[in-house]
């Protein structure tokens, strides 16, 4: 079993990365957008690996952190969630956001991820809520700023996301950008948040 691969990035896209190791062997790994953002622009990286071995394929998934890999392995234990769907979820939501979505039972946000319906979103929350608490993943994000930490923040997030959604942007992507902006500029007005989000979406 491969625990991690350390090597030089020879090719990278938002969905895959090729790492060449010291022995001259290159591995193609499937990655999430979160991992892509974390390793983009770097030369040498270490990615934690999950191996998906089937009769017709041997697929490697790479993760910038152990926490993201753990969330991935938890997601694929849910009925109907395969590797690609789990990667899609981890591309739409950061590990911190996903832990909060599951712990708070926010199925509305979870079902905005492409390929996730309401029943699947609810199944993920029911199946993983206790597991995430037991593995300590939720606690690992305790130092992070919670999404919508205050009433004022929550109102701004909801209003900004609503406006962006009406403009045609996806709810999950809008929510992610808005919360990121508020972490950077906690005192920003709704108007400023929306203007900044339009530049990032």
N, C-alpha and C. Protein backbone atom coordinates (compact mmCIF):
# COMPACT_ATOMS: atom_id res chain seq x y z
N UNK A 1 0.84 -1.20 0.00
CA UNK A 1 0.00 0.00 0.00
C UNK A 1 0.88 1.25 0.00
N UNK A 2 0.54 2.22 -0.85
CA UNK A 2 1.29 3.47 -0.94
C UNK A 2 0.71 4.46 0.07
N UNK A 3 1.56 4.96 0.98
CA UNK A 3 1.11 5.94 1.97
C UNK A 3 1.20 7.35 1.40
N UNK A 4 2.32 7.65 0.76
CA UNK A 4 2.49 8.96 0.12
C UNK A 4 3.52 8.87 -0.98
N UNK A 5 3.52 9.84 -1.86
CA UNK A 5 4.51 9.94 -2.92
C UNK A 5 5.13 11.32 -2.86
N UNK A 6 6.46 11.36 -2.83
CA UNK A 6 7.18 12.62 -2.83
C UNK A 6 7.97 12.71 -4.13
N UNK A 7 7.79 13.80 -4.84
CA UNK A 7 8.51 13.93 -6.10
C UNK A 7 8.35 15.28 -6.75
N UNK A 8 8.84 15.36 -7.98
CA UNK A 8 8.80 16.61 -8.73
C UNK A 8 7.56 16.64 -9.62
N UNK A 9 6.88 17.77 -9.62
CA UNK A 9 5.71 17.93 -10.49
C UNK A 9 6.19 18.13 -11.93
N UNK A 10 5.80 17.22 -12.80
CA UNK A 10 6.17 17.35 -14.21
C UNK A 10 5.00 17.82 -15.06
N UNK A 11 3.79 17.51 -14.61
CA UNK A 11 2.57 17.98 -15.28
C UNK A 11 1.50 18.19 -14.22
N UNK A 12 0.70 19.24 -14.41
CA UNK A 12 -0.38 19.48 -13.45
C UNK A 12 -1.55 20.15 -14.14
N UNK A 13 -2.76 19.69 -13.81
CA UNK A 13 -4.01 20.29 -14.25
C UNK A 13 -4.88 20.40 -13.01
N UNK A 14 -6.02 21.09 -13.08
CA UNK A 14 -6.90 21.15 -11.90
C UNK A 14 -7.42 19.79 -11.45
N UNK A 15 -7.28 18.77 -12.29
CA UNK A 15 -7.83 17.46 -11.94
C UNK A 15 -6.76 16.39 -11.71
N UNK A 16 -5.57 16.57 -12.27
CA UNK A 16 -4.52 15.56 -12.14
C UNK A 16 -3.14 16.19 -11.96
N UNK A 17 -2.23 15.38 -11.42
CA UNK A 17 -0.84 15.82 -11.31
C UNK A 17 0.05 14.61 -11.56
N UNK A 18 1.16 14.82 -12.26
CA UNK A 18 2.14 13.77 -12.48
C UNK A 18 3.37 14.07 -11.65
N UNK A 19 3.73 13.12 -10.78
CA UNK A 19 4.90 13.28 -9.92
C UNK A 19 5.98 12.29 -10.34
N UNK A 20 7.17 12.81 -10.58
CA UNK A 20 8.31 11.96 -10.91
C UNK A 20 9.16 11.79 -9.67
N UNK A 21 9.39 10.53 -9.28
CA UNK A 21 10.16 10.24 -8.07
C UNK A 21 11.64 10.14 -8.38
N UNK A 22 12.44 10.00 -7.31
CA UNK A 22 13.90 9.95 -7.46
C UNK A 22 14.35 8.79 -8.35
N UNK A 23 13.56 7.72 -8.36
CA UNK A 23 13.92 6.55 -9.16
C UNK A 23 13.58 6.70 -10.63
N UNK A 24 13.01 7.83 -11.01
CA UNK A 24 12.66 8.06 -12.41
C UNK A 24 11.28 7.55 -12.78
N UNK A 25 10.53 7.04 -11.78
CA UNK A 25 9.18 6.57 -12.03
C UNK A 25 8.21 7.73 -11.82
N UNK A 26 7.28 7.90 -12.76
CA UNK A 26 6.30 8.99 -12.66
C UNK A 26 4.92 8.41 -12.36
N UNK A 27 4.24 9.02 -11.41
CA UNK A 27 2.90 8.58 -11.01
C UNK A 27 1.87 9.64 -11.38
N UNK A 28 0.76 9.19 -11.97
CA UNK A 28 -0.36 10.09 -12.28
C UNK A 28 -1.38 9.96 -11.16
N UNK A 29 -1.67 11.09 -10.51
CA UNK A 29 -2.62 11.08 -9.40
C UNK A 29 -3.79 12.00 -9.70
N UNK A 30 -4.98 11.54 -9.35
CA UNK A 30 -6.18 12.37 -9.44
C UNK A 30 -6.23 13.25 -8.20
N UNK A 31 -6.51 14.54 -8.39
CA UNK A 31 -6.52 15.47 -7.25
C UNK A 31 -7.79 16.31 -7.24
N UNK A 32 -8.08 16.89 -6.08
CA UNK A 32 -9.21 17.81 -5.95
C UNK A 32 -8.72 19.23 -6.23
N UNK A 33 -9.65 20.16 -6.36
CA UNK A 33 -9.27 21.56 -6.57
C UNK A 33 -8.56 22.13 -5.34
N UNK A 34 -8.92 21.60 -4.16
CA UNK A 34 -8.24 22.05 -2.94
C UNK A 34 -6.76 21.71 -2.98
N UNK A 35 -6.47 20.48 -3.38
CA UNK A 35 -5.07 20.05 -3.48
C UNK A 35 -4.36 20.80 -4.60
N UNK A 36 -5.05 21.00 -5.72
CA UNK A 36 -4.48 21.76 -6.84
C UNK A 36 -4.05 23.16 -6.38
N UNK A 37 -4.91 23.82 -5.63
CA UNK A 37 -4.60 25.16 -5.13
C UNK A 37 -3.40 25.14 -4.19
N UNK A 38 -3.29 24.07 -3.39
CA UNK A 38 -2.23 23.96 -2.39
C UNK A 38 -0.86 23.71 -3.02
N UNK A 39 -0.82 23.00 -4.16
CA UNK A 39 0.48 22.62 -4.74
C UNK A 39 0.83 23.38 -6.01
N UNK A 40 -0.11 24.15 -6.55
CA UNK A 40 0.14 24.89 -7.78
C UNK A 40 1.33 25.84 -7.59
N UNK A 41 2.24 25.84 -8.53
CA UNK A 41 3.39 26.73 -8.46
C UNK A 41 4.58 26.14 -7.74
N UNK A 42 4.40 24.96 -7.13
CA UNK A 42 5.50 24.30 -6.42
C UNK A 42 6.24 23.35 -7.35
N UNK A 43 7.46 23.01 -6.99
CA UNK A 43 8.26 22.09 -7.79
C UNK A 43 8.24 20.69 -7.17
N UNK A 44 8.69 20.61 -5.91
CA UNK A 44 8.70 19.34 -5.19
C UNK A 44 7.53 19.31 -4.21
N UNK A 45 6.77 18.22 -4.21
CA UNK A 45 5.64 18.09 -3.28
C UNK A 45 5.55 16.68 -2.72
N UNK A 46 4.83 16.56 -1.63
CA UNK A 46 4.53 15.27 -1.03
C UNK A 46 3.02 15.15 -0.95
N UNK A 47 2.47 14.13 -1.61
CA UNK A 47 1.03 13.93 -1.61
C UNK A 47 0.67 12.62 -0.91
N UNK A 48 -0.31 12.70 -0.02
CA UNK A 48 -0.84 11.50 0.63
C UNK A 48 -1.72 10.78 -0.38
N UNK A 49 -1.63 9.47 -0.40
CA UNK A 49 -2.24 8.69 -1.50
C UNK A 49 -3.33 7.75 -1.02
N UNK A 50 -4.37 7.64 -1.85
CA UNK A 50 -5.37 6.59 -1.68
C UNK A 50 -5.36 5.78 -2.97
N UNK A 51 -5.24 4.45 -2.85
CA UNK A 51 -5.23 3.57 -4.01
C UNK A 51 -6.62 2.96 -4.23
N UNK A 52 -7.14 3.13 -5.42
CA UNK A 52 -8.41 2.51 -5.79
C UNK A 52 -8.09 1.40 -6.80
N UNK A 53 -8.16 0.17 -6.31
CA UNK A 53 -7.78 -0.97 -7.15
C UNK A 53 -9.03 -1.77 -7.52
N UNK A 54 -9.28 -1.82 -8.84
CA UNK A 54 -10.41 -2.60 -9.36
C UNK A 54 -9.88 -3.58 -10.40
N UNK A 55 -10.75 -4.46 -10.86
CA UNK A 55 -10.35 -5.44 -11.87
C UNK A 55 -9.91 -4.76 -13.17
N UNK A 56 -10.56 -3.63 -13.48
CA UNK A 56 -10.29 -2.97 -14.75
C UNK A 56 -9.40 -1.73 -14.65
N UNK A 57 -9.01 -1.37 -13.42
CA UNK A 57 -8.22 -0.14 -13.29
C UNK A 57 -7.53 -0.05 -11.93
N UNK A 58 -6.38 0.65 -11.94
CA UNK A 58 -5.66 0.97 -10.71
C UNK A 58 -5.49 2.49 -10.71
N UNK A 59 -6.26 3.16 -9.84
CA UNK A 59 -6.30 4.62 -9.85
C UNK A 59 -5.74 5.16 -8.54
N UNK A 60 -4.90 6.18 -8.65
CA UNK A 60 -4.32 6.83 -7.48
C UNK A 60 -4.94 8.20 -7.28
N UNK A 61 -5.32 8.49 -6.04
CA UNK A 61 -5.82 9.81 -5.67
C UNK A 61 -4.79 10.44 -4.73
N UNK A 62 -4.45 11.71 -4.99
CA UNK A 62 -3.45 12.38 -4.17
C UNK A 62 -4.06 13.55 -3.40
N UNK A 63 -3.56 13.75 -2.17
CA UNK A 63 -4.11 14.81 -1.30
C UNK A 63 -2.98 15.58 -0.63
N UNK A 64 -3.16 16.89 -0.55
CA UNK A 64 -2.14 17.76 0.04
C UNK A 64 -2.02 17.53 1.55
N UNK A 65 -3.12 17.09 2.19
CA UNK A 65 -3.10 16.87 3.65
C UNK A 65 -3.69 15.50 4.00
N UNK A 66 -3.31 15.01 5.16
CA UNK A 66 -3.87 13.75 5.65
C UNK A 66 -5.36 13.90 5.93
N UNK A 67 -5.74 15.09 6.40
CA UNK A 67 -7.15 15.34 6.74
C UNK A 67 -8.04 15.19 5.50
N UNK A 68 -7.56 15.71 4.37
CA UNK A 68 -8.36 15.60 3.15
C UNK A 68 -8.46 14.15 2.71
N UNK A 69 -7.37 13.41 2.83
CA UNK A 69 -7.41 11.99 2.46
C UNK A 69 -8.37 11.23 3.38
N UNK A 70 -8.35 11.54 4.67
CA UNK A 70 -9.25 10.87 5.61
C UNK A 70 -10.71 11.15 5.26
N UNK A 71 -11.01 12.39 4.91
CA UNK A 71 -12.38 12.74 4.52
C UNK A 71 -12.77 11.99 3.25
N UNK A 72 -11.84 11.87 2.32
CA UNK A 72 -12.09 11.13 1.09
C UNK A 72 -12.44 9.67 1.39
N UNK A 73 -11.64 9.05 2.25
CA UNK A 73 -11.89 7.63 2.57
C UNK A 73 -13.20 7.45 3.31
N UNK A 74 -13.60 8.45 4.10
CA UNK A 74 -14.89 8.39 4.77
C UNK A 74 -16.03 8.55 3.77
N UNK A 75 -15.87 9.47 2.83
CA UNK A 75 -16.92 9.73 1.84
C UNK A 75 -17.22 8.49 0.99
N UNK A 76 -16.17 7.78 0.58
CA UNK A 76 -16.40 6.63 -0.32
C UNK A 76 -16.99 5.43 0.41
N UNK A 77 -17.13 5.50 1.74
CA UNK A 77 -17.82 4.42 2.46
C UNK A 77 -19.33 4.60 2.37
N UNK A 78 -19.76 5.79 1.96
CA UNK A 78 -21.19 6.07 1.84
C UNK A 78 -21.73 5.45 0.56
N UNK A 79 -22.85 4.76 0.66
CA UNK A 79 -23.46 4.11 -0.50
C UNK A 79 -23.73 5.12 -1.62
N UNK A 80 -23.25 4.80 -2.81
CA UNK A 80 -23.49 5.66 -3.97
C UNK A 80 -22.40 6.70 -4.21
N UNK A 81 -21.41 6.77 -3.30
CA UNK A 81 -20.31 7.74 -3.46
C UNK A 81 -19.04 7.01 -3.89
N UNK A 82 -18.61 7.28 -5.11
CA UNK A 82 -17.37 6.70 -5.61
C UNK A 82 -16.23 7.70 -5.50
N UNK A 83 -15.07 7.30 -6.00
CA UNK A 83 -13.90 8.15 -5.91
C UNK A 83 -14.07 9.50 -6.59
N UNK A 84 -14.62 9.49 -7.80
CA UNK A 84 -14.77 10.74 -8.54
C UNK A 84 -15.78 11.69 -7.88
N UNK A 85 -16.85 11.11 -7.33
CA UNK A 85 -17.85 11.94 -6.65
C UNK A 85 -17.26 12.53 -5.37
N UNK A 86 -16.49 11.73 -4.64
CA UNK A 86 -15.84 12.22 -3.43
C UNK A 86 -14.87 13.35 -3.77
N UNK A 87 -14.16 13.18 -4.88
CA UNK A 87 -13.23 14.23 -5.31
C UNK A 87 -13.99 15.50 -5.70
N UNK A 88 -15.15 15.35 -6.30
CA UNK A 88 -15.98 16.50 -6.67
C UNK A 88 -16.41 17.26 -5.42
N UNK A 89 -16.80 16.52 -4.38
CA UNK A 89 -17.22 17.15 -3.13
C UNK A 89 -16.06 17.92 -2.52
N UNK A 90 -14.86 17.32 -2.53
CA UNK A 90 -13.68 17.96 -1.95
C UNK A 90 -13.14 19.07 -2.84
N UNK A 91 -13.65 19.18 -4.06
CA UNK A 91 -13.28 20.30 -4.92
C UNK A 91 -14.21 21.48 -4.68
N UNK A 92 -15.44 21.18 -4.31
CA UNK A 92 -16.43 22.24 -4.05
C UNK A 92 -16.31 22.80 -2.65
N UNK A 93 -15.88 21.96 -1.70
CA UNK A 93 -15.79 22.38 -0.30
C UNK A 93 -14.42 22.02 0.26
N UNK A 94 -13.85 22.91 1.05
CA UNK A 94 -12.58 22.61 1.71
C UNK A 94 -12.85 21.60 2.82
N UNK A 95 -11.82 20.91 3.33
CA UNK A 95 -12.04 19.97 4.44
C UNK A 95 -12.73 20.63 5.63
N UNK A 96 -12.34 21.87 5.94
CA UNK A 96 -12.97 22.59 7.05
C UNK A 96 -14.45 22.80 6.79
N UNK A 97 -14.78 23.26 5.58
CA UNK A 97 -16.17 23.52 5.22
C UNK A 97 -16.99 22.24 5.21
N UNK A 98 -16.41 21.15 4.67
CA UNK A 98 -17.14 19.88 4.60
C UNK A 98 -17.43 19.35 5.99
N UNK A 99 -16.46 19.44 6.90
CA UNK A 99 -16.69 19.01 8.29
C UNK A 99 -17.83 19.80 8.92
N UNK A 100 -17.84 21.10 8.66
CA UNK A 100 -18.89 21.94 9.25
C UNK A 100 -20.25 21.62 8.63
N UNK A 101 -20.28 21.40 7.31
CA UNK A 101 -21.52 21.06 6.62
C UNK A 101 -22.11 19.77 7.20
N UNK A 102 -21.25 18.78 7.41
CA UNK A 102 -21.71 17.50 7.94
C UNK A 102 -22.13 17.62 9.40
N UNK A 103 -21.32 18.29 10.20
CA UNK A 103 -21.62 18.39 11.64
C UNK A 103 -22.86 19.22 11.92
N UNK A 104 -23.17 20.19 11.03
CA UNK A 104 -24.36 21.03 11.23
C UNK A 104 -25.57 20.53 10.45
N UNK A 105 -25.37 19.45 9.66
CA UNK A 105 -26.48 18.88 8.90
C UNK A 105 -26.96 19.77 7.76
N UNK A 106 -26.05 20.51 7.15
CA UNK A 106 -26.41 21.45 6.08
C UNK A 106 -26.54 20.73 4.74
N UNK A 107 -27.63 19.95 4.58
CA UNK A 107 -27.81 19.19 3.35
C UNK A 107 -28.07 20.09 2.14
N UNK A 108 -28.61 21.30 2.38
CA UNK A 108 -28.89 22.22 1.26
C UNK A 108 -27.61 22.63 0.55
N UNK A 109 -26.57 22.92 1.32
CA UNK A 109 -25.31 23.30 0.71
C UNK A 109 -24.64 22.10 0.06
N UNK A 110 -24.72 20.96 0.72
CA UNK A 110 -24.08 19.76 0.20
C UNK A 110 -24.69 19.31 -1.13
N UNK A 111 -26.00 19.46 -1.27
CA UNK A 111 -26.64 18.99 -2.50
C UNK A 111 -26.41 19.93 -3.69
N UNK A 112 -25.77 21.08 -3.45
CA UNK A 112 -25.43 21.97 -4.58
C UNK A 112 -24.21 21.45 -5.33
N UNK A 113 -23.49 20.49 -4.73
CA UNK A 113 -22.33 19.89 -5.41
C UNK A 113 -22.84 19.05 -6.59
N UNK A 114 -22.20 19.20 -7.74
CA UNK A 114 -22.62 18.48 -8.93
C UNK A 114 -22.67 16.97 -8.68
N UNK A 115 -23.81 16.36 -9.00
CA UNK A 115 -23.96 14.92 -8.84
C UNK A 115 -24.50 14.48 -7.50
N UNK A 116 -24.73 15.44 -6.58
CA UNK A 116 -25.25 15.10 -5.25
C UNK A 116 -26.69 15.59 -5.12
N UNK A 117 -27.60 14.64 -4.97
CA UNK A 117 -29.01 14.99 -4.76
C UNK A 117 -29.29 15.10 -3.28
N UNK A 118 -30.52 15.48 -2.95
CA UNK A 118 -30.89 15.68 -1.55
C UNK A 118 -30.74 14.39 -0.74
N UNK A 119 -31.22 13.26 -1.28
CA UNK A 119 -31.14 12.00 -0.54
C UNK A 119 -29.70 11.59 -0.28
N UNK A 120 -28.84 11.78 -1.28
CA UNK A 120 -27.42 11.44 -1.11
C UNK A 120 -26.77 12.35 -0.09
N UNK A 121 -27.12 13.64 -0.15
CA UNK A 121 -26.57 14.61 0.81
C UNK A 121 -26.96 14.23 2.24
N UNK A 122 -28.22 13.86 2.41
CA UNK A 122 -28.70 13.46 3.74
C UNK A 122 -28.03 12.17 4.21
N UNK A 123 -27.79 11.25 3.26
CA UNK A 123 -27.13 9.98 3.59
C UNK A 123 -25.69 10.24 4.06
N UNK A 124 -25.00 11.16 3.37
CA UNK A 124 -23.63 11.50 3.75
C UNK A 124 -23.59 12.04 5.17
N UNK A 125 -24.53 12.93 5.48
CA UNK A 125 -24.57 13.55 6.81
C UNK A 125 -24.88 12.51 7.88
N UNK A 126 -25.86 11.66 7.64
CA UNK A 126 -26.25 10.63 8.61
C UNK A 126 -25.12 9.63 8.84
N UNK A 127 -24.48 9.19 7.73
CA UNK A 127 -23.44 8.18 7.83
C UNK A 127 -22.14 8.69 8.43
N UNK A 128 -21.81 9.95 8.20
CA UNK A 128 -20.49 10.45 8.57
C UNK A 128 -20.44 11.38 9.79
N UNK A 129 -21.59 11.84 10.23
CA UNK A 129 -21.59 12.80 11.35
C UNK A 129 -20.84 12.26 12.57
N UNK A 130 -21.17 11.06 12.99
CA UNK A 130 -20.52 10.48 14.17
C UNK A 130 -19.08 10.06 13.87
N UNK A 131 -18.84 9.56 12.65
CA UNK A 131 -17.49 9.11 12.30
C UNK A 131 -16.50 10.27 12.31
N UNK A 132 -16.93 11.42 11.80
CA UNK A 132 -16.05 12.58 11.77
C UNK A 132 -15.73 13.05 13.18
N UNK A 133 -16.71 12.97 14.05
CA UNK A 133 -16.49 13.36 15.45
C UNK A 133 -15.51 12.40 16.12
N UNK A 134 -15.64 11.10 15.82
CA UNK A 134 -14.77 10.08 16.42
C UNK A 134 -13.34 10.16 15.91
N UNK A 135 -13.17 10.48 14.63
CA UNK A 135 -11.82 10.54 14.07
C UNK A 135 -11.10 11.82 14.43
N UNK A 136 -11.85 12.79 14.98
CA UNK A 136 -11.22 14.04 15.38
C UNK A 136 -11.06 15.03 14.25
N UNK A 137 -11.64 14.73 13.08
CA UNK A 137 -11.50 15.63 11.93
C UNK A 137 -12.16 16.97 12.20
N UNK A 138 -13.31 16.94 12.86
CA UNK A 138 -13.99 18.20 13.15
C UNK A 138 -13.16 19.03 14.11
N UNK A 139 -12.52 18.36 15.07
CA UNK A 139 -11.69 19.07 16.03
C UNK A 139 -10.44 19.63 15.40
N UNK A 140 -9.97 18.98 14.31
CA UNK A 140 -8.74 19.42 13.65
C UNK A 140 -8.92 20.78 13.01
N UNK A 141 -10.17 21.17 12.80
CA UNK A 141 -10.44 22.45 12.15
C UNK A 141 -10.87 23.50 13.15
N UNK A 142 -10.73 23.19 14.44
CA UNK A 142 -11.21 24.10 15.47
C UNK A 142 -10.53 25.45 15.43
N UNK A 143 -9.28 25.47 14.95
CA UNK A 143 -8.57 26.73 14.91
C UNK A 143 -8.96 27.61 13.76
N UNK A 144 -9.73 27.07 12.83
CA UNK A 144 -10.14 27.84 11.66
C UNK A 144 -11.34 28.70 12.00
N UNK A 145 -11.53 29.74 11.21
CA UNK A 145 -12.67 30.60 11.43
C UNK A 145 -13.92 29.88 10.93
N UNK A 146 -14.92 29.65 11.75
CA UNK A 146 -16.13 28.95 11.33
C UNK A 146 -16.86 29.72 10.23
N UNK A 147 -17.51 28.97 9.35
CA UNK A 147 -18.28 29.62 8.30
C UNK A 147 -19.46 30.34 8.95
N UNK A 148 -19.58 31.64 8.70
CA UNK A 148 -20.67 32.42 9.29
C UNK A 148 -20.62 32.40 10.80
N UNK A 149 -19.47 32.78 11.37
CA UNK A 149 -19.26 32.66 12.80
C UNK A 149 -20.22 33.51 13.63
N UNK A 150 -20.61 34.66 13.14
CA UNK A 150 -21.52 35.52 13.90
C UNK A 150 -22.81 35.71 13.13
N UNK A 151 -23.81 36.26 13.82
CA UNK A 151 -25.10 36.52 13.17
C UNK A 151 -24.94 37.47 12.00
N UNK A 152 -24.11 38.52 12.20
CA UNK A 152 -23.89 39.50 11.14
C UNK A 152 -23.24 38.85 9.93
N UNK A 153 -22.22 37.99 10.20
CA UNK A 153 -21.54 37.30 9.11
C UNK A 153 -22.52 36.40 8.35
N UNK A 154 -23.35 35.70 9.10
CA UNK A 154 -24.32 34.79 8.48
C UNK A 154 -25.26 35.55 7.55
N UNK A 155 -25.73 36.70 7.98
CA UNK A 155 -26.63 37.51 7.16
C UNK A 155 -25.95 37.98 5.89
N UNK A 156 -24.69 38.40 6.02
CA UNK A 156 -23.95 38.87 4.85
C UNK A 156 -23.70 37.72 3.87
N UNK A 157 -23.31 36.57 4.43
CA UNK A 157 -23.06 35.39 3.58
C UNK A 157 -24.33 35.03 2.81
N UNK A 158 -25.44 34.94 3.51
CA UNK A 158 -26.70 34.53 2.87
C UNK A 158 -27.13 35.53 1.79
N UNK A 159 -27.00 36.82 2.09
CA UNK A 159 -27.41 37.85 1.13
C UNK A 159 -26.51 37.86 -0.10
N UNK A 160 -25.20 37.76 0.14
CA UNK A 160 -24.25 37.77 -0.97
C UNK A 160 -24.40 36.53 -1.85
N UNK A 161 -24.53 35.37 -1.22
CA UNK A 161 -24.70 34.12 -1.98
C UNK A 161 -25.99 34.15 -2.78
N UNK A 162 -27.05 34.68 -2.17
CA UNK A 162 -28.34 34.79 -2.86
C UNK A 162 -28.22 35.66 -4.12
N UNK A 163 -27.52 36.79 -3.97
CA UNK A 163 -27.35 37.70 -5.11
C UNK A 163 -26.53 37.04 -6.21
N UNK A 164 -25.47 36.36 -5.83
CA UNK A 164 -24.60 35.71 -6.81
C UNK A 164 -25.33 34.56 -7.51
N UNK A 165 -26.18 33.86 -6.75
CA UNK A 165 -26.96 32.77 -7.33
C UNK A 165 -27.93 33.30 -8.39
N UNK A 166 -28.56 34.44 -8.09
CA UNK A 166 -29.48 35.05 -9.04
C UNK A 166 -28.75 35.53 -10.30
N UNK A 167 -27.45 35.80 -10.14
CA UNK A 167 -26.65 36.21 -11.29
C UNK A 167 -26.18 35.02 -12.12
N UNK A 168 -26.51 33.82 -11.63
CA UNK A 168 -26.20 32.62 -12.42
C UNK A 168 -25.04 31.78 -11.92
N UNK A 169 -24.46 32.16 -10.77
CA UNK A 169 -23.34 31.38 -10.24
C UNK A 169 -23.84 30.26 -9.34
N UNK A 170 -23.07 29.16 -9.27
CA UNK A 170 -23.45 28.02 -8.45
C UNK A 170 -23.40 28.38 -6.96
N UNK A 171 -24.32 27.81 -6.19
CA UNK A 171 -24.40 28.13 -4.76
C UNK A 171 -23.12 27.74 -4.03
N UNK A 172 -22.63 26.51 -4.26
CA UNK A 172 -21.45 26.03 -3.54
C UNK A 172 -20.23 26.90 -3.83
N UNK A 173 -20.01 27.22 -5.10
CA UNK A 173 -18.87 28.06 -5.48
C UNK A 173 -19.00 29.46 -4.88
N UNK A 174 -20.22 30.00 -4.94
CA UNK A 174 -20.46 31.34 -4.40
C UNK A 174 -20.22 31.38 -2.90
N UNK A 175 -20.72 30.37 -2.19
CA UNK A 175 -20.57 30.29 -0.74
C UNK A 175 -19.09 30.22 -0.36
N UNK A 176 -18.32 29.43 -1.11
CA UNK A 176 -16.90 29.27 -0.82
C UNK A 176 -16.15 30.60 -0.99
N UNK A 177 -16.43 31.29 -2.09
CA UNK A 177 -15.75 32.56 -2.37
C UNK A 177 -16.15 33.62 -1.35
N UNK A 178 -17.43 33.71 -1.03
CA UNK A 178 -17.92 34.72 -0.08
C UNK A 178 -17.30 34.52 1.30
N UNK A 179 -17.27 33.28 1.79
CA UNK A 179 -16.69 33.04 3.12
C UNK A 179 -15.19 33.32 3.13
N UNK A 180 -14.52 33.04 2.02
CA UNK A 180 -13.09 33.32 1.93
C UNK A 180 -12.84 34.83 1.99
N UNK A 181 -13.69 35.59 1.31
CA UNK A 181 -13.55 37.05 1.30
C UNK A 181 -13.78 37.61 2.71
N UNK A 182 -14.78 37.09 3.41
CA UNK A 182 -15.09 37.58 4.76
C UNK A 182 -13.99 37.22 5.77
N UNK A 183 -13.28 36.13 5.51
CA UNK A 183 -12.15 35.78 6.38
C UNK A 183 -11.02 36.79 6.19
N UNK A 184 -10.86 37.24 4.95
CA UNK A 184 -9.81 38.22 4.63
C UNK A 184 -10.21 39.63 5.05
N UNK A 185 -11.50 39.95 4.87
CA UNK A 185 -12.00 41.29 5.20
C UNK A 185 -13.29 41.18 6.01
N UNK A 186 -13.17 40.91 7.31
CA UNK A 186 -14.34 40.69 8.17
C UNK A 186 -15.34 41.84 8.22
N UNK A 187 -14.88 43.06 7.95
CA UNK A 187 -15.77 44.23 8.06
C UNK A 187 -16.36 44.65 6.72
N UNK A 188 -16.14 43.85 5.67
CA UNK A 188 -16.63 44.21 4.34
C UNK A 188 -18.16 44.22 4.30
N UNK A 189 -18.70 45.17 3.54
CA UNK A 189 -20.15 45.25 3.38
C UNK A 189 -20.61 44.22 2.36
N UNK A 190 -21.91 43.99 2.29
CA UNK A 190 -22.46 43.04 1.33
C UNK A 190 -22.06 43.44 -0.10
N UNK A 191 -22.19 44.74 -0.39
CA UNK A 191 -21.87 45.23 -1.73
C UNK A 191 -20.42 44.94 -2.09
N UNK A 192 -19.52 45.19 -1.14
CA UNK A 192 -18.10 44.96 -1.41
C UNK A 192 -17.81 43.48 -1.59
N UNK A 193 -18.45 42.65 -0.76
CA UNK A 193 -18.25 41.20 -0.86
C UNK A 193 -18.69 40.70 -2.24
N UNK A 194 -19.85 41.18 -2.71
CA UNK A 194 -20.36 40.75 -4.01
C UNK A 194 -19.42 41.20 -5.13
N UNK A 195 -18.96 42.44 -5.05
CA UNK A 195 -18.05 42.96 -6.09
C UNK A 195 -16.75 42.16 -6.14
N UNK A 196 -16.21 41.85 -4.97
CA UNK A 196 -14.97 41.05 -4.92
C UNK A 196 -15.21 39.62 -5.42
N UNK A 197 -16.39 39.07 -5.06
CA UNK A 197 -16.72 37.70 -5.49
C UNK A 197 -16.86 37.61 -7.00
N UNK A 198 -17.42 38.65 -7.62
CA UNK A 198 -17.58 38.64 -9.07
C UNK A 198 -16.24 38.60 -9.80
N UNK A 199 -15.20 39.10 -9.15
CA UNK A 199 -13.87 39.06 -9.75
C UNK A 199 -13.20 37.70 -9.62
N UNK A 200 -13.69 36.93 -8.65
CA UNK A 200 -13.06 35.62 -8.38
C UNK A 200 -13.81 34.44 -9.00
N UNK A 201 -15.09 34.62 -9.23
CA UNK A 201 -15.89 33.51 -9.76
C UNK A 201 -15.71 33.34 -11.27
